Amino acid sequence: MRTSFLIAFTLLLTCSPAHADWLGFRGLAHQGHADAGDYPIRWGPTENVAWKFKLPGPGASSPVVKGERVFVTAFTGTKAKEIVRHLLCLDRKTGKLMWEQKRPAPQPENNYSGHLLQHGFATGTPFIAGARVYVNFCRGGVFAFDLDGKEIWKRELGRYLNSFGSGSSPSMYGKLLLVNQTTEAGALFALDKDTGETVWRAKIPGDCWATPVIAETAKGPEIVLNGQEGVYGLDAETGKQLWQCETIGGYVSSTPLVAKDVLYIMGSNFGLKATTAIRAGGRGDVTKTHVLWSNSKVGASYCSPLLIGERLFFFSGQATCMNRNTGEVLAQNRLDGISNLYSSPIVTGGKIYLFTRNQGAYVLSADDKMTVLAHNDLGDTSAINASPAASNGDMLIRTQEYLYCLRKG
């Protein structure tokens, strides 16, 4: 399974056609690289908006795309017994609703207020594999639907309540659906994607909201999770912990970047910051043996970074460009509205697309200068807490009220 999966995974990443679908959080491998479609650089309320769809409620999940279908989640209700989570499927060309599934929140549940009103446990981005779409509604369950909306299976993996909610998106390794349920069950699960049965469960200390990723090493593929007390490398087929590396920890939502066996990890914790490069493939505590570099002056808890060639980019307080090999900061630019971003950037055609919570979206050159090519505003006064999706010239972004399709007119 290891060898055949690695070959297929590598081919999929390197040979994807220009019309590639957007199958999960930040794309198939969660790294934020889109196909080279003809995407708009400028947009506004009446410019390059192909359609917008009024969502039933807010959420911080990103849309995903398969062919001519767009999937997105949301929630309605604020009192515990009224709360419902929604999965919607829209026609990509027109924005018309094709179908909707609704699932009431299991009781007992928190009333939604404060932080929970930003996402309401509709934060994990769906993942599409073949003819299935997988959704993590956290305490509400993990679901598999077919592309026409029929429920295939459901699993309830944990029942812990958490005042911050949940935010991890599912990912996939071969036939295993990987679900971070640290806030509900204190564990990372690998489920059989066809049946929902547990293949393995790995105990992870503390809460975290990052998405698990896959690192290729000479010893085989590893599942990597950026956790509250460090970074963990697990055997992909058994879930056995192979190694751990200390970090500054904190309430971690940032998903690692992967370049073969090198991981780029970001975090911040009560005023401390760090961006670190770690080589996967070690055994035991690798804090002193596998850290390639660490920069304690830059880092972020929420948004995930971008790796473009030899440069590492991230956006939190400032736009930052780093040398991926040394951790040296090459440039920093101040941009309005990029403090405490929830949205993570993506790149296509040599341009970085970055959506702020309340001050529009930037299109930047993907180089050391990070030149602002455009600063766009949709005129939507609700917050943007989600990351964009991009497929075949369509840029999709959801606010707390609408899902937009940006397309050259």
Protein backbone atom coordinates (compact mmCIF):
# COMPACT_ATOMS: atom_id res chain seq x y z
CA MET A 1 0.00 0.00 0.00
CA ARG A 2 2.83 2.38 0.89
CA THR A 3 4.66 2.20 -2.45
CA SER A 4 1.59 2.25 -4.68
CA PHE A 5 0.08 5.13 -2.75
CA LEU A 6 3.23 7.24 -2.90
CA ILE A 7 3.51 6.78 -6.66
CA ALA A 8 -0.15 7.67 -7.19
CA PHE A 9 0.02 10.61 -4.79
CA THR A 10 3.13 12.04 -6.44
CA LEU A 11 1.69 11.68 -9.93
CA LEU A 12 -1.53 13.31 -8.83
CA LEU A 13 0.31 16.33 -7.46
CA THR A 14 2.68 16.77 -10.39
CA CYS A 15 0.44 15.83 -13.31
CA SER A 16 -2.88 17.49 -12.40
CA PRO A 17 -4.60 19.02 -15.46
CA ALA A 18 -5.35 22.72 -15.73
CA HIS A 19 -9.01 22.07 -14.88
CA ALA A 20 -8.07 20.34 -11.58
CA ASP A 21 -10.78 20.16 -8.95
CA TRP A 22 -10.37 21.72 -5.50
CA LEU A 23 -10.99 18.72 -3.28
CA GLY A 24 -10.20 19.83 0.27
CA PHE A 25 -8.92 22.55 2.56
CA ARG A 26 -6.36 24.52 0.49
CA GLY A 27 -6.67 21.94 -2.28
CA LEU A 28 -5.89 18.22 -2.55
CA ALA A 29 -2.69 18.19 -0.47
CA HIS A 30 -3.66 21.20 1.74
CA GLN A 31 -0.75 23.27 0.41
CA GLY A 32 -2.66 26.14 -1.25
CA HIS A 33 -1.51 25.68 -4.87
CA ALA A 34 -4.21 26.12 -7.53
CA ASP A 35 -4.21 25.22 -11.21
CA ALA A 36 -3.06 27.81 -13.75
CA GLY A 37 -6.55 28.93 -14.72
CA ASP A 38 -7.39 32.42 -15.92
CA TYR A 39 -8.45 33.92 -12.59
CA PRO A 40 -9.56 37.52 -12.12
CA ILE A 41 -7.18 39.95 -10.48
CA ARG A 42 -9.80 42.61 -9.83
CA TRP A 43 -13.36 42.27 -8.60
CA GLY A 44 -16.04 44.21 -6.76
CA PRO A 45 -19.80 44.12 -6.09
CA THR A 46 -20.56 44.44 -9.82
CA GLU A 47 -17.23 43.39 -11.36
CA ASN A 48 -16.20 39.80 -12.14
CA VAL A 49 -18.80 38.28 -9.79
CA ALA A 50 -20.38 35.41 -11.73
CA TRP A 51 -22.88 34.71 -8.95
CA LYS A 52 -23.44 34.92 -5.23
CA PHE A 53 -25.55 32.59 -3.13
CA LYS A 54 -27.25 33.51 0.15
CA LEU A 55 -26.12 30.93 2.70
CA PRO A 56 -28.54 29.66 5.37
CA GLY A 57 -26.08 30.72 8.06
CA PRO A 58 -22.43 31.49 8.88
CA GLY A 59 -19.40 29.21 9.05
CA ALA A 60 -15.65 29.24 8.50
CA SER A 61 -15.36 26.20 6.23
CA SER A 62 -14.05 26.69 2.71
CA PRO A 63 -15.91 25.56 -0.40
CA VAL A 64 -14.68 22.54 -2.35
CA VAL A 65 -15.19 21.77 -6.05
CA LYS A 66 -15.73 18.56 -8.01
CA GLY A 67 -16.55 19.03 -11.70
CA GLU A 68 -19.62 21.24 -11.88
CA ARG A 69 -20.52 20.89 -8.19
CA VAL A 70 -19.54 23.16 -5.30
CA PHE A 71 -19.93 22.01 -1.69
CA VAL A 72 -19.95 24.16 1.45
CA THR A 73 -21.17 23.89 5.05
CA ALA A 74 -22.96 26.34 7.37
CA PHE A 75 -24.95 26.38 10.59
CA THR A 76 -28.24 27.90 11.78
CA GLY A 77 -29.52 28.59 15.28
CA THR A 78 -27.77 29.85 18.40
CA LYS A 79 -29.64 28.07 21.22
CA ALA A 80 -28.42 24.54 21.83
CA LYS A 81 -31.66 22.78 20.89
CA GLU A 82 -32.13 24.90 17.74
CA ILE A 83 -28.69 24.38 16.20
CA VAL A 84 -28.50 22.68 12.80
CA ARG A 85 -25.47 22.05 10.57
CA HIS A 86 -25.92 22.20 6.81
CA LEU A 87 -24.13 20.72 3.81
CA LEU A 88 -25.04 22.40 0.53
CA CYS A 89 -24.29 21.46 -3.08
CA LEU A 90 -24.46 24.18 -5.74
CA ASP A 91 -24.13 24.24 -9.50
CA ARG A 92 -20.71 25.75 -10.22
CA LYS A 93 -21.76 27.57 -13.39
CA THR A 94 -24.93 29.21 -12.05
CA GLY A 95 -24.76 29.11 -8.23
CA LYS A 96 -28.16 27.41 -8.03
CA LEU A 97 -28.80 25.07 -5.12
CA MET A 98 -28.78 21.41 -6.21
CA TRP A 99 -29.38 19.81 -2.81
CA GLU A 100 -28.99 20.36 0.93
CA GLN A 101 -28.52 18.07 3.91
CA LYS A 102 -29.31 19.18 7.46
CA ARG A 103 -28.16 17.57 10.70
CA PRO A 104 -29.35 18.78 14.15
CA ALA A 105 -26.67 19.22 16.79
CA PRO A 106 -26.50 16.33 19.28
CA GLN A 107 -27.44 17.27 22.81
CA PRO A 108 -26.17 18.48 25.19
CA GLU A 109 -24.57 21.29 23.22
CA ASN A 110 -23.25 24.75 24.02
CA ASN A 111 -25.36 27.76 23.19
CA TYR A 112 -23.54 29.57 20.37
CA SER A 113 -22.11 32.88 21.49
CA GLY A 114 -18.75 34.67 21.33
CA HIS A 115 -16.21 32.64 19.35
CA LEU A 116 -18.78 30.03 18.32
CA LEU A 117 -20.80 32.58 16.35
CA GLN A 118 -17.84 32.82 13.95
CA HIS A 119 -18.12 29.21 12.84
CA GLY A 120 -20.54 27.17 14.97
CA PHE A 121 -18.83 23.84 14.38
CA ALA A 122 -19.18 24.41 10.63
CA THR A 123 -15.48 25.15 10.29
CA GLY A 124 -13.94 21.97 8.90
CA THR A 125 -13.77 22.08 5.11
CA PRO A 126 -15.27 19.01 3.37
CA PHE A 127 -13.02 16.58 1.50
CA ILE A 128 -13.94 14.91 -1.81
CA ALA A 129 -12.56 11.54 -2.88
CA GLY A 130 -14.03 9.84 -5.94
CA ALA A 131 -17.82 9.87 -5.72
CA ARG A 132 -17.93 10.75 -2.01
CA VAL A 133 -17.87 13.98 -0.04
CA TYR A 134 -16.76 13.72 3.59
CA VAL A 135 -17.79 16.23 6.25
CA ASN A 136 -16.54 16.66 9.81
CA PHE A 137 -19.31 18.16 11.92
CA CYS A 138 -17.20 17.43 15.02
CA ARG A 139 -19.47 16.48 17.92
CA GLY A 140 -22.24 16.27 15.34
CA GLY A 141 -20.45 13.39 13.63
CA VAL A 142 -18.32 12.60 10.60
CA PHE A 143 -20.40 11.90 7.48
CA ALA A 144 -19.89 10.42 4.05
CA PHE A 145 -22.36 11.44 1.32
CA ASP A 146 -22.47 10.60 -2.35
CA LEU A 147 -22.36 13.53 -4.76
CA ASP A 148 -26.16 13.52 -5.02
CA GLY A 149 -26.60 13.99 -1.27
CA LYS A 150 -27.34 10.44 -0.11
CA GLU A 151 -25.83 9.61 3.28
CA ILE A 152 -23.48 6.62 3.01
CA TRP A 153 -22.29 6.41 6.61
CA LYS A 154 -21.96 8.39 9.84
CA ARG A 155 -19.59 8.09 12.81
CA GLU A 156 -19.71 9.82 16.18
CA LEU A 157 -16.12 9.87 17.39
CA GLY A 158 -16.17 12.08 20.47
CA ARG A 159 -18.48 13.97 22.80
CA TYR A 160 -16.24 16.49 24.58
CA LEU A 161 -17.48 20.10 24.60
CA ASN A 162 -15.06 22.89 23.76
CA SER A 163 -15.70 26.61 24.11
CA PHE A 164 -13.64 27.38 20.97
CA GLY A 165 -15.37 24.79 18.80
CA SER A 166 -13.61 22.66 16.21
CA GLY A 167 -11.87 23.54 13.00
CA SER A 168 -9.92 20.65 11.57
CA SER A 169 -10.65 19.53 8.03
CA PRO A 170 -10.46 15.86 6.97
CA SER A 171 -7.64 14.63 4.78
CA MET A 172 -6.92 11.33 3.01
CA TYR A 173 -4.19 8.72 2.84
CA GLY A 174 -5.01 5.89 0.44
CA LYS A 175 -8.26 4.37 1.75
CA LEU A 176 -7.97 6.13 5.10
CA LEU A 177 -9.96 9.23 5.98
CA LEU A 178 -7.92 11.18 8.55
CA VAL A 179 -9.91 13.18 11.10
CA ASN A 180 -8.42 15.34 13.84
CA GLN A 181 -10.80 14.96 16.79
CA THR A 182 -8.51 16.18 19.56
CA THR A 183 -11.14 18.61 20.84
CA GLU A 184 -13.88 15.94 20.92
CA ALA A 185 -11.96 12.76 21.73
CA GLY A 186 -8.30 13.62 22.35
CA ALA A 187 -7.25 11.65 19.28
CA LEU A 188 -6.50 11.54 15.58
CA PHE A 189 -8.63 8.93 13.77
CA ALA A 190 -8.07 6.98 10.57
CA LEU A 191 -11.39 5.71 9.21
CA ASP A 192 -12.05 3.35 6.33
CA LYS A 193 -13.37 5.76 3.72
CA ASP A 194 -15.88 3.20 2.39
CA THR A 195 -17.42 2.08 5.68
CA GLY A 196 -16.45 4.66 8.31
CA GLU A 197 -14.99 1.94 10.55
CA THR A 198 -12.00 2.90 12.71
CA VAL A 199 -8.73 1.51 11.31
CA TRP A 200 -6.59 3.18 13.94
CA ARG A 201 -6.80 5.83 16.64
CA ALA A 202 -3.79 7.80 17.89
CA LYS A 203 -3.94 9.63 21.20
CA ILE A 204 -2.82 13.26 20.88
CA PRO A 205 -2.34 15.44 24.01
CA GLY A 206 -4.09 18.81 24.14
CA ASP A 207 -6.45 20.48 21.69
CA CYS A 208 -5.53 21.53 18.18
CA TRP A 209 -7.35 22.54 15.04
CA ALA A 210 -4.78 21.78 12.35
CA THR A 211 -5.39 19.43 9.44
CA PRO A 212 -3.22 16.28 9.26
CA VAL A 213 -0.81 16.11 6.30
CA ILE A 214 1.37 13.44 4.70
CA ALA A 215 5.17 13.55 4.58
CA GLU A 216 7.23 11.26 2.33
CA THR A 217 10.35 9.84 3.97
CA ALA A 218 12.91 7.20 3.05
CA LYS A 219 11.31 4.97 5.69
CA GLY A 220 7.79 5.39 4.33
CA PRO A 221 4.91 7.87 4.47
CA GLU A 222 4.06 9.54 7.77
CA ILE A 223 0.96 11.33 9.01
CA VAL A 224 1.95 14.64 10.63
CA LEU A 225 -0.16 16.75 12.99
CA ASN A 226 0.74 20.17 14.38
CA GLY A 227 -0.47 19.86 17.98
CA GLN A 228 -0.79 21.92 21.13
CA GLU A 229 2.27 20.37 22.78
CA GLY A 230 4.38 19.74 19.67
CA VAL A 231 4.46 18.17 16.22
CA TYR A 232 3.75 14.45 15.89
CA GLY A 233 4.78 11.97 13.19
CA LEU A 234 2.71 8.78 12.98
CA ASP A 235 3.01 5.58 10.99
CA ALA A 236 0.52 6.03 8.15
CA GLU A 237 -0.87 2.50 8.27
CA THR A 238 -0.97 1.81 12.01
CA GLY A 239 -1.14 5.21 13.71
CA LYS A 240 1.84 4.35 15.92
CA GLN A 241 3.68 7.46 17.05
CA LEU A 242 7.14 7.47 15.47
CA TRP A 243 8.46 10.82 16.63
CA GLN A 244 7.61 14.08 18.30
CA CYS A 245 9.21 17.52 18.22
CA GLU A 246 8.75 20.26 20.79
CA THR A 247 7.34 23.60 19.62
CA ILE A 248 6.02 26.68 21.39
CA GLY A 249 2.60 25.01 21.22
CA GLY A 250 -0.48 27.07 22.02
CA TYR A 251 -3.90 26.87 20.44
CA VAL A 252 -2.72 25.65 17.06
CA SER A 253 -4.77 25.92 13.88
CA SER A 254 -1.99 26.32 11.31
CA THR A 255 -1.59 23.34 8.98
CA PRO A 256 2.02 22.36 8.13
CA LEU A 257 3.54 22.76 4.70
CA VAL A 258 5.25 19.70 3.27
CA ALA A 259 8.15 19.51 0.80
CA LYS A 260 8.95 15.78 0.55
CA ASP A 261 10.32 15.04 4.03
CA VAL A 262 10.66 18.63 5.25
CA LEU A 263 7.86 20.22 7.27
CA TYR A 264 7.33 23.93 7.83
CA ILE A 265 5.50 24.61 11.09
CA MET A 266 4.10 27.87 12.42
CA GLY A 267 2.72 28.87 15.81
CA SER A 268 2.29 31.54 18.45
CA ASN A 269 1.56 31.24 22.14
CA PHE A 270 0.96 34.09 24.61
CA GLY A 271 3.26 36.52 22.81
CA LEU A 272 5.81 33.94 21.68
CA LYS A 273 6.20 33.19 17.97
CA ALA A 274 8.06 30.61 15.94
CA THR A 275 8.39 29.29 12.41
CA THR A 276 10.32 26.02 12.23
CA ALA A 277 11.58 23.59 9.59
CA ILE A 278 11.65 19.95 10.70
CA ARG A 279 12.86 16.91 8.80
CA ALA A 280 10.43 14.02 9.11
CA GLY A 281 11.54 10.40 9.35
CA GLY A 282 13.12 10.49 12.81
CA ARG A 283 12.32 8.35 15.82
CA GLY A 284 11.52 9.38 19.37
CA ASP A 285 12.13 12.95 20.51
CA VAL A 286 13.70 14.68 17.49
CA THR A 287 13.77 18.21 18.93
CA LYS A 288 17.59 18.25 19.03
CA THR A 289 18.26 16.15 15.93
CA HIS A 290 15.77 17.01 13.15
CA VAL A 291 15.10 20.75 13.48
CA LEU A 292 16.73 22.32 10.42
CA TRP A 293 16.11 25.88 11.57
CA SER A 294 13.77 27.90 13.75
CA ASN A 295 12.99 31.61 13.70
CA SER A 296 11.51 32.92 16.95
CA LYS A 297 10.64 36.35 15.55
CA VAL A 298 7.85 35.31 13.17
CA GLY A 299 4.87 32.97 13.38
CA ALA A 300 1.09 32.69 13.57
CA SER A 301 -1.50 30.37 15.15
CA TYR A 302 -4.38 30.55 12.70
CA CYS A 303 -3.49 31.03 9.05
CA SER A 304 -1.35 28.50 7.20
CA PRO A 305 1.69 29.51 5.11
CA LEU A 306 2.57 29.11 1.42
CA LEU A 307 5.65 27.52 -0.10
CA ILE A 308 6.55 28.87 -3.54
CA GLY A 309 9.88 27.72 -4.94
CA GLU A 310 12.59 28.66 -2.45
CA ARG A 311 10.34 31.09 -0.59
CA LEU A 312 8.03 30.67 2.39
CA PHE A 313 5.20 33.21 2.69
CA PHE A 314 2.75 33.89 5.49
CA PHE A 315 0.47 36.70 6.57
CA SER A 316 -0.19 37.65 10.17
CA GLY A 317 0.27 41.25 11.23
CA GLN A 318 2.65 41.66 8.29
CA ALA A 319 3.20 40.03 4.92
CA THR A 320 6.36 37.98 5.39
CA CYS A 321 8.69 36.31 2.88
CA MET A 322 11.35 33.89 4.18
CA ASN A 323 14.14 31.79 2.74
CA ARG A 324 12.84 28.22 3.06
CA ASN A 325 16.35 26.79 3.49
CA THR A 326 17.61 29.07 6.27
CA GLY A 327 14.55 30.71 7.87
CA GLU A 328 15.95 34.18 7.12
CA VAL A 329 13.28 36.88 6.74
CA LEU A 330 13.82 38.42 3.32
CA ALA A 331 11.03 40.97 3.32
CA GLN A 332 8.09 42.20 5.38
CA ASN A 333 5.30 44.52 4.22
CA ARG A 334 2.50 46.05 6.25
CA LEU A 335 -0.99 45.47 4.88
CA ASP A 336 -4.23 46.71 6.39
CA GLY A 337 -6.47 44.08 7.94
CA ILE A 338 -4.13 41.09 8.15
CA SER A 339 -3.91 40.77 11.93
CA ASN A 340 -5.46 37.58 13.35
CA LEU A 341 -6.38 36.22 9.95
CA TYR A 342 -8.45 33.04 9.86
CA SER A 343 -8.22 32.73 6.08
CA SER A 344 -5.11 31.15 4.54
CA PRO A 345 -3.66 32.35 1.21
CA ILE A 346 -3.45 30.41 -2.04
CA VAL A 347 -1.28 30.87 -5.13
CA THR A 348 -1.94 30.56 -8.85
CA GLY A 349 -0.19 31.95 -11.92
CA GLY A 350 2.54 33.70 -9.90
CA LYS A 351 0.00 35.57 -7.78
CA ILE A 352 -0.96 35.20 -4.13
CA TYR A 353 -4.64 35.59 -3.21
CA LEU A 354 -5.21 36.68 0.38
CA PHE A 355 -8.62 37.40 1.94
CA THR A 356 -8.82 39.45 5.14
CA ARG A 357 -11.61 39.25 7.69
CA ASN A 358 -13.05 42.73 7.19
CA GLN A 359 -10.85 44.73 4.81
CA GLY A 360 -11.20 43.06 1.46
CA ALA A 361 -8.78 40.85 -0.43
CA TYR A 362 -5.26 41.35 -1.74
CA VAL A 363 -3.68 40.01 -4.90
CA LEU A 364 0.11 40.05 -4.48
CA SER A 365 3.07 39.17 -6.63
CA ALA A 366 4.51 35.81 -5.53
CA ASP A 367 8.06 37.09 -5.12
CA ASP A 368 10.26 38.77 -2.53
CA LYS A 369 8.62 42.15 -3.10
CA MET A 370 5.02 40.92 -2.53
CA THR A 371 3.81 43.85 -4.62
CA VAL A 372 0.11 44.67 -4.19
CA LEU A 373 -1.41 44.09 -7.64
CA ALA A 374 -4.96 44.71 -6.48
CA HIS A 375 -6.93 45.35 -3.29
CA ASN A 376 -10.52 44.30 -3.84
CA ASP A 377 -13.70 44.66 -1.80
CA LEU A 378 -16.98 42.83 -2.41
CA GLY A 379 -18.94 45.31 -0.31
CA ASP A 380 -20.01 42.48 2.02
CA THR A 381 -19.95 43.70 5.63
CA SER A 382 -19.94 40.20 7.14
CA ALA A 383 -16.58 38.68 8.04
CA ILE A 384 -14.48 36.34 5.89
CA ASN A 385 -13.17 33.51 8.07
CA ALA A 386 -12.73 30.94 5.30
CA SER A 387 -9.98 30.29 2.78
CA PRO A 388 -10.70 30.53 -0.96
CA ALA A 389 -11.09 27.66 -3.41
CA ALA A 390 -9.88 27.86 -7.01
CA SER A 391 -10.74 25.66 -9.98
CA ASN A 392 -10.56 26.24 -13.73
CA GLY A 393 -10.76 30.03 -13.55
CA ASP A 394 -13.36 30.21 -10.76
CA MET A 395 -12.30 31.69 -7.42
CA LEU A 396 -14.82 30.82 -4.69
CA ILE A 397 -14.95 32.54 -1.32
CA ARG A 398 -17.56 32.45 1.43
CA THR A 399 -18.36 35.18 3.91
CA GLN A 400 -20.63 34.82 6.92
CA GLU A 401 -23.60 35.50 4.64
CA TYR A 402 -22.81 34.62 1.02
CA LEU A 403 -20.82 32.28 -1.18
CA TYR A 404 -19.29 34.13 -4.14
CA CYS A 405 -17.96 32.86 -7.44
CA LEU A 406 -15.39 35.26 -8.89
CA ARG A 407 -14.90 34.77 -12.62
CA LYS A 408 -13.64 36.97 -15.42
CA GLY A 409 -16.61 38.57 -17.13
